[in-house]
Amino acid sequence: MLVIVAENVPPRLRGRLGLWLVEVRAGVYVGDVSRRVRDMIWHNMEEGVEDGNVVMAWTSNNESGFDFLTLGANRRIPVEMDGIKLVSFLPPEEVEKGQEYPF
């Protein structure tokens, strides 16, 4: 299972995601794709995200049962602790500076 949440991305990227996944809510895409297709989708997002932000989560064989990547400026950033990815929050002023954390 693959889930993508896209905010403030260009319409052409949203249309591209709609080719491979089902948009169940505005900006929320789900599907069941291979790793190769998932990597190709992520590459397309890196190319077209512009000022938006994206999180992609998928099932994985690890302690938490899933893994995820983020792209673009967002207050939530992934942090790894003891082999498990958690989410940390930045102060709002750091996000306003437009800092990007592609983890």
N, C-alpha and C. Protein backbone atom coordinates (compact mmCIF):
# COMPACT_ATOMS: atom_id res chain seq x y z
N MET A 1 0.85 -1.18 0.00
CA MET A 1 0.00 0.00 0.00
C MET A 1 0.89 1.23 0.00
N LEU A 2 0.54 2.18 -0.80
CA LEU A 2 1.25 3.44 -0.91
C LEU A 2 0.25 4.57 -0.68
N VAL A 3 0.63 5.55 0.14
CA VAL A 3 -0.21 6.72 0.40
C VAL A 3 0.65 7.96 0.18
N ILE A 4 0.12 8.91 -0.57
CA ILE A 4 0.80 10.18 -0.81
C ILE A 4 -0.15 11.31 -0.44
N VAL A 5 0.37 12.28 0.32
CA VAL A 5 -0.38 13.49 0.63
C VAL A 5 0.41 14.65 0.03
N ALA A 6 -0.23 15.39 -0.87
CA ALA A 6 0.42 16.49 -1.57
C ALA A 6 -0.33 17.79 -1.27
N GLU A 7 0.43 18.81 -0.86
CA GLU A 7 -0.16 20.13 -0.56
C GLU A 7 0.50 21.18 -1.44
N ASN A 8 -0.31 22.05 -2.00
CA ASN A 8 0.17 23.18 -2.80
C ASN A 8 1.10 22.78 -3.93
N VAL A 9 0.84 21.65 -4.55
CA VAL A 9 1.65 21.23 -5.70
C VAL A 9 0.95 21.68 -6.98
N PRO A 10 1.68 21.83 -8.06
CA PRO A 10 1.07 22.25 -9.33
C PRO A 10 0.05 21.23 -9.83
N PRO A 11 -0.97 21.71 -10.53
CA PRO A 11 -2.00 20.80 -11.07
C PRO A 11 -1.42 19.70 -11.96
N ARG A 12 -0.35 19.98 -12.70
CA ARG A 12 0.22 18.95 -13.57
C ARG A 12 0.78 17.79 -12.76
N LEU A 13 1.32 18.06 -11.56
CA LEU A 13 1.82 16.98 -10.70
C LEU A 13 0.66 16.18 -10.13
N ARG A 14 -0.41 16.86 -9.75
CA ARG A 14 -1.59 16.15 -9.24
C ARG A 14 -2.19 15.26 -10.33
N GLY A 15 -2.20 15.73 -11.55
CA GLY A 15 -2.69 14.91 -12.66
C GLY A 15 -1.79 13.72 -12.91
N ARG A 16 -0.49 13.92 -12.77
CA ARG A 16 0.48 12.83 -12.95
C ARG A 16 0.26 11.75 -11.90
N LEU A 17 0.04 12.17 -10.64
CA LEU A 17 -0.20 11.20 -9.57
C LEU A 17 -1.48 10.42 -9.83
N GLY A 18 -2.47 11.09 -10.43
CA GLY A 18 -3.74 10.45 -10.74
C GLY A 18 -3.62 9.35 -11.79
N LEU A 19 -2.52 9.33 -12.54
CA LEU A 19 -2.31 8.26 -13.52
C LEU A 19 -2.02 6.92 -12.85
N TRP A 20 -1.34 6.95 -11.70
CA TRP A 20 -0.90 5.72 -11.06
C TRP A 20 -1.69 5.37 -9.80
N LEU A 21 -2.29 6.39 -9.18
CA LEU A 21 -2.95 6.20 -7.89
C LEU A 21 -4.37 6.76 -7.93
N VAL A 22 -5.18 6.41 -6.94
CA VAL A 22 -6.54 6.92 -6.82
C VAL A 22 -6.54 8.08 -5.84
N GLU A 23 -7.13 9.21 -6.23
CA GLU A 23 -7.22 10.38 -5.35
C GLU A 23 -8.50 10.24 -4.52
N VAL A 24 -8.36 9.81 -3.25
CA VAL A 24 -9.53 9.55 -2.41
C VAL A 24 -10.05 10.82 -1.75
N ARG A 25 -9.24 11.80 -1.57
CA ARG A 25 -9.59 13.14 -1.10
C ARG A 25 -8.67 14.11 -1.82
N ALA A 26 -8.97 15.38 -1.75
CA ALA A 26 -8.12 16.36 -2.43
C ALA A 26 -6.69 16.27 -1.91
N GLY A 27 -5.77 15.90 -2.79
CA GLY A 27 -4.36 15.82 -2.44
C GLY A 27 -3.93 14.54 -1.74
N VAL A 28 -4.85 13.58 -1.56
CA VAL A 28 -4.52 12.31 -0.90
C VAL A 28 -4.68 11.18 -1.92
N TYR A 29 -3.59 10.48 -2.19
CA TYR A 29 -3.55 9.44 -3.21
C TYR A 29 -3.19 8.11 -2.57
N VAL A 30 -3.85 7.04 -2.99
CA VAL A 30 -3.55 5.70 -2.47
C VAL A 30 -3.45 4.71 -3.63
N GLY A 31 -2.69 3.66 -3.41
CA GLY A 31 -2.56 2.62 -4.42
C GLY A 31 -1.65 1.52 -3.94
N ASP A 32 -1.55 0.49 -4.76
CA ASP A 32 -0.69 -0.64 -4.48
C ASP A 32 0.22 -0.81 -5.69
N VAL A 33 1.47 -0.35 -5.57
CA VAL A 33 2.39 -0.35 -6.70
C VAL A 33 3.70 -1.04 -6.29
N SER A 34 4.50 -1.40 -7.27
CA SER A 34 5.80 -2.02 -7.01
C SER A 34 6.80 -0.97 -6.54
N ARG A 35 7.92 -1.44 -6.04
CA ARG A 35 8.97 -0.52 -5.59
C ARG A 35 9.48 0.32 -6.76
N ARG A 36 9.62 -0.28 -7.92
CA ARG A 36 10.10 0.45 -9.09
C ARG A 36 9.16 1.60 -9.45
N VAL A 37 7.86 1.35 -9.43
CA VAL A 37 6.88 2.40 -9.74
C VAL A 37 6.90 3.45 -8.63
N ARG A 38 7.00 3.03 -7.38
CA ARG A 38 7.08 3.98 -6.25
C ARG A 38 8.28 4.90 -6.42
N ASP A 39 9.44 4.35 -6.78
CA ASP A 39 10.63 5.18 -7.00
C ASP A 39 10.44 6.14 -8.17
N MET A 40 9.78 5.70 -9.21
CA MET A 40 9.51 6.55 -10.36
C MET A 40 8.55 7.69 -9.98
N ILE A 41 7.53 7.37 -9.18
CA ILE A 41 6.59 8.39 -8.70
C ILE A 41 7.34 9.42 -7.87
N TRP A 42 8.21 8.97 -6.97
CA TRP A 42 8.97 9.89 -6.12
C TRP A 42 9.87 10.79 -6.97
N HIS A 43 10.49 10.23 -7.98
CA HIS A 43 11.33 11.04 -8.87
C HIS A 43 10.49 12.12 -9.56
N ASN A 44 9.28 11.78 -10.00
CA ASN A 44 8.40 12.77 -10.62
C ASN A 44 8.02 13.86 -9.62
N MET A 45 7.82 13.49 -8.37
CA MET A 45 7.48 14.50 -7.35
C MET A 45 8.66 15.43 -7.09
N GLU A 46 9.87 14.88 -7.04
CA GLU A 46 11.05 15.72 -6.85
C GLU A 46 11.20 16.73 -7.97
N GLU A 47 10.86 16.32 -9.18
CA GLU A 47 10.98 17.20 -10.35
C GLU A 47 9.91 18.29 -10.37
N GLY A 48 8.70 18.00 -9.84
CA GLY A 48 7.59 18.91 -10.04
C GLY A 48 6.95 19.52 -8.82
N VAL A 49 7.53 19.36 -7.62
CA VAL A 49 6.86 19.82 -6.40
C VAL A 49 6.82 21.35 -6.28
N GLU A 50 7.79 22.05 -6.85
CA GLU A 50 7.89 23.51 -6.79
C GLU A 50 7.78 24.01 -5.35
N ASP A 51 6.78 24.85 -5.02
CA ASP A 51 6.66 25.42 -3.67
C ASP A 51 5.83 24.56 -2.73
N GLY A 52 5.34 23.44 -3.19
CA GLY A 52 4.48 22.59 -2.38
C GLY A 52 5.28 21.68 -1.47
N ASN A 53 4.55 20.77 -0.82
CA ASN A 53 5.22 19.75 -0.01
C ASN A 53 4.46 18.45 -0.14
N VAL A 54 5.19 17.36 0.05
CA VAL A 54 4.66 16.02 -0.18
C VAL A 54 5.18 15.08 0.89
N VAL A 55 4.33 14.15 1.32
CA VAL A 55 4.78 13.03 2.14
C VAL A 55 4.30 11.75 1.45
N MET A 56 5.18 10.77 1.38
CA MET A 56 4.85 9.49 0.78
C MET A 56 5.13 8.41 1.82
N ALA A 57 4.12 7.58 2.13
CA ALA A 57 4.26 6.49 3.10
C ALA A 57 3.87 5.18 2.43
N TRP A 58 4.56 4.11 2.79
CA TRP A 58 4.29 2.80 2.22
C TRP A 58 4.56 1.72 3.26
N THR A 59 3.94 0.57 3.04
CA THR A 59 4.16 -0.55 3.94
C THR A 59 5.58 -1.05 3.78
N SER A 60 6.16 -1.45 4.91
CA SER A 60 7.54 -1.91 4.91
C SER A 60 7.72 -2.98 5.96
N ASN A 61 8.72 -3.80 5.78
CA ASN A 61 8.99 -4.88 6.73
C ASN A 61 9.98 -4.38 7.79
N ASN A 62 9.51 -3.51 8.68
CA ASN A 62 10.33 -3.00 9.78
C ASN A 62 9.49 -2.96 11.05
N GLU A 63 10.04 -2.41 12.12
CA GLU A 63 9.35 -2.40 13.41
C GLU A 63 8.00 -1.70 13.37
N SER A 64 7.92 -0.58 12.68
CA SER A 64 6.67 0.18 12.63
C SER A 64 5.70 -0.33 11.57
N GLY A 65 6.19 -1.09 10.60
CA GLY A 65 5.32 -1.62 9.55
C GLY A 65 5.16 -0.70 8.36
N PHE A 66 5.80 0.47 8.40
CA PHE A 66 5.73 1.40 7.28
C PHE A 66 7.00 2.24 7.26
N ASP A 67 7.21 2.93 6.15
CA ASP A 67 8.30 3.88 6.01
C ASP A 67 7.75 5.09 5.27
N PHE A 68 8.45 6.21 5.33
CA PHE A 68 7.95 7.40 4.64
C PHE A 68 9.08 8.34 4.28
N LEU A 69 8.82 9.20 3.29
CA LEU A 69 9.72 10.26 2.85
C LEU A 69 8.94 11.55 2.79
N THR A 70 9.62 12.66 2.98
CA THR A 70 8.99 13.97 2.84
C THR A 70 9.78 14.81 1.86
N LEU A 71 9.11 15.79 1.29
CA LEU A 71 9.73 16.67 0.32
C LEU A 71 9.08 18.04 0.44
N GLY A 72 9.88 19.09 0.46
CA GLY A 72 9.36 20.44 0.53
C GLY A 72 9.36 20.98 1.95
N ALA A 73 9.16 22.28 2.08
CA ALA A 73 9.16 22.93 3.38
C ALA A 73 7.89 22.57 4.14
N ASN A 74 8.06 22.09 5.36
CA ASN A 74 6.94 21.71 6.20
C ASN A 74 7.39 21.77 7.64
N ARG A 75 6.47 22.03 8.54
CA ARG A 75 6.81 22.10 9.96
C ARG A 75 7.13 20.73 10.54
N ARG A 76 6.60 19.69 9.95
CA ARG A 76 6.86 18.32 10.41
C ARG A 76 8.06 17.74 9.67
N ILE A 77 9.06 17.29 10.41
CA ILE A 77 10.23 16.70 9.79
C ILE A 77 10.49 15.32 10.40
N PRO A 78 10.92 14.37 9.59
CA PRO A 78 11.21 13.04 10.12
C PRO A 78 12.52 13.03 10.91
N VAL A 79 12.51 12.28 11.99
CA VAL A 79 13.69 12.11 12.84
C VAL A 79 13.80 10.63 13.15
N GLU A 80 14.99 10.06 12.98
CA GLU A 80 15.17 8.64 13.29
C GLU A 80 15.74 8.49 14.70
N MET A 81 15.07 7.67 15.50
CA MET A 81 15.53 7.38 16.86
C MET A 81 15.48 5.87 17.07
N ASP A 82 16.62 5.28 17.39
CA ASP A 82 16.71 3.85 17.64
C ASP A 82 16.14 3.02 16.49
N GLY A 83 16.36 3.46 15.26
CA GLY A 83 15.92 2.70 14.10
C GLY A 83 14.47 2.90 13.71
N ILE A 84 13.75 3.77 14.41
CA ILE A 84 12.35 4.04 14.10
C ILE A 84 12.21 5.50 13.69
N LYS A 85 11.51 5.76 12.59
CA LYS A 85 11.27 7.13 12.17
C LYS A 85 10.12 7.72 12.96
N LEU A 86 10.36 8.89 13.52
CA LEU A 86 9.33 9.65 14.22
C LEU A 86 9.19 11.00 13.54
N VAL A 87 8.23 11.79 13.97
CA VAL A 87 8.01 13.11 13.39
C VAL A 87 8.23 14.16 14.46
N SER A 88 9.07 15.14 14.12
CA SER A 88 9.35 16.26 15.01
C SER A 88 8.75 17.53 14.41
N PHE A 89 8.46 18.50 15.27
CA PHE A 89 7.88 19.76 14.81
C PHE A 89 8.90 20.88 14.94
N LEU A 90 9.04 21.65 13.87
CA LEU A 90 9.90 22.83 13.89
C LEU A 90 9.12 24.02 14.43
N PRO A 91 9.81 24.99 15.02
CA PRO A 91 9.13 26.25 15.36
C PRO A 91 8.61 26.91 14.09
N PRO A 92 7.43 27.56 14.13
CA PRO A 92 6.83 28.15 12.92
C PRO A 92 7.76 29.11 12.18
N GLU A 93 8.59 29.87 12.88
CA GLU A 93 9.47 30.84 12.21
C GLU A 93 10.50 30.16 11.33
N GLU A 94 10.93 28.94 11.64
CA GLU A 94 11.88 28.23 10.79
C GLU A 94 11.24 27.78 9.50
N VAL A 95 9.96 27.43 9.54
CA VAL A 95 9.25 27.01 8.33
C VAL A 95 9.04 28.21 7.43
N GLU A 96 8.76 29.37 8.01
CA GLU A 96 8.53 30.58 7.22
C GLU A 96 9.77 31.01 6.46
N LYS A 97 10.96 30.64 6.95
CA LYS A 97 12.19 30.96 6.24
C LYS A 97 12.33 30.15 4.97
N GLY A 98 11.47 29.15 4.79
CA GLY A 98 11.50 28.34 3.58
C GLY A 98 12.53 27.23 3.61
N GLN A 99 12.93 26.82 4.81
CA GLN A 99 13.89 25.73 4.91
C GLN A 99 13.25 24.42 4.45
N GLU A 100 14.03 23.62 3.78
CA GLU A 100 13.53 22.37 3.24
C GLU A 100 14.29 21.22 3.86
N TYR A 101 13.55 20.16 4.23
CA TYR A 101 14.16 19.00 4.84
C TYR A 101 13.73 17.75 4.07
N PRO A 102 14.44 17.38 3.01
CA PRO A 102 14.06 16.21 2.20
C PRO A 102 14.60 14.90 2.78
N PHE A 103 13.93 14.37 3.77
CA PHE A 103 14.36 13.11 4.39
C PHE A 103 13.45 12.00 3.95
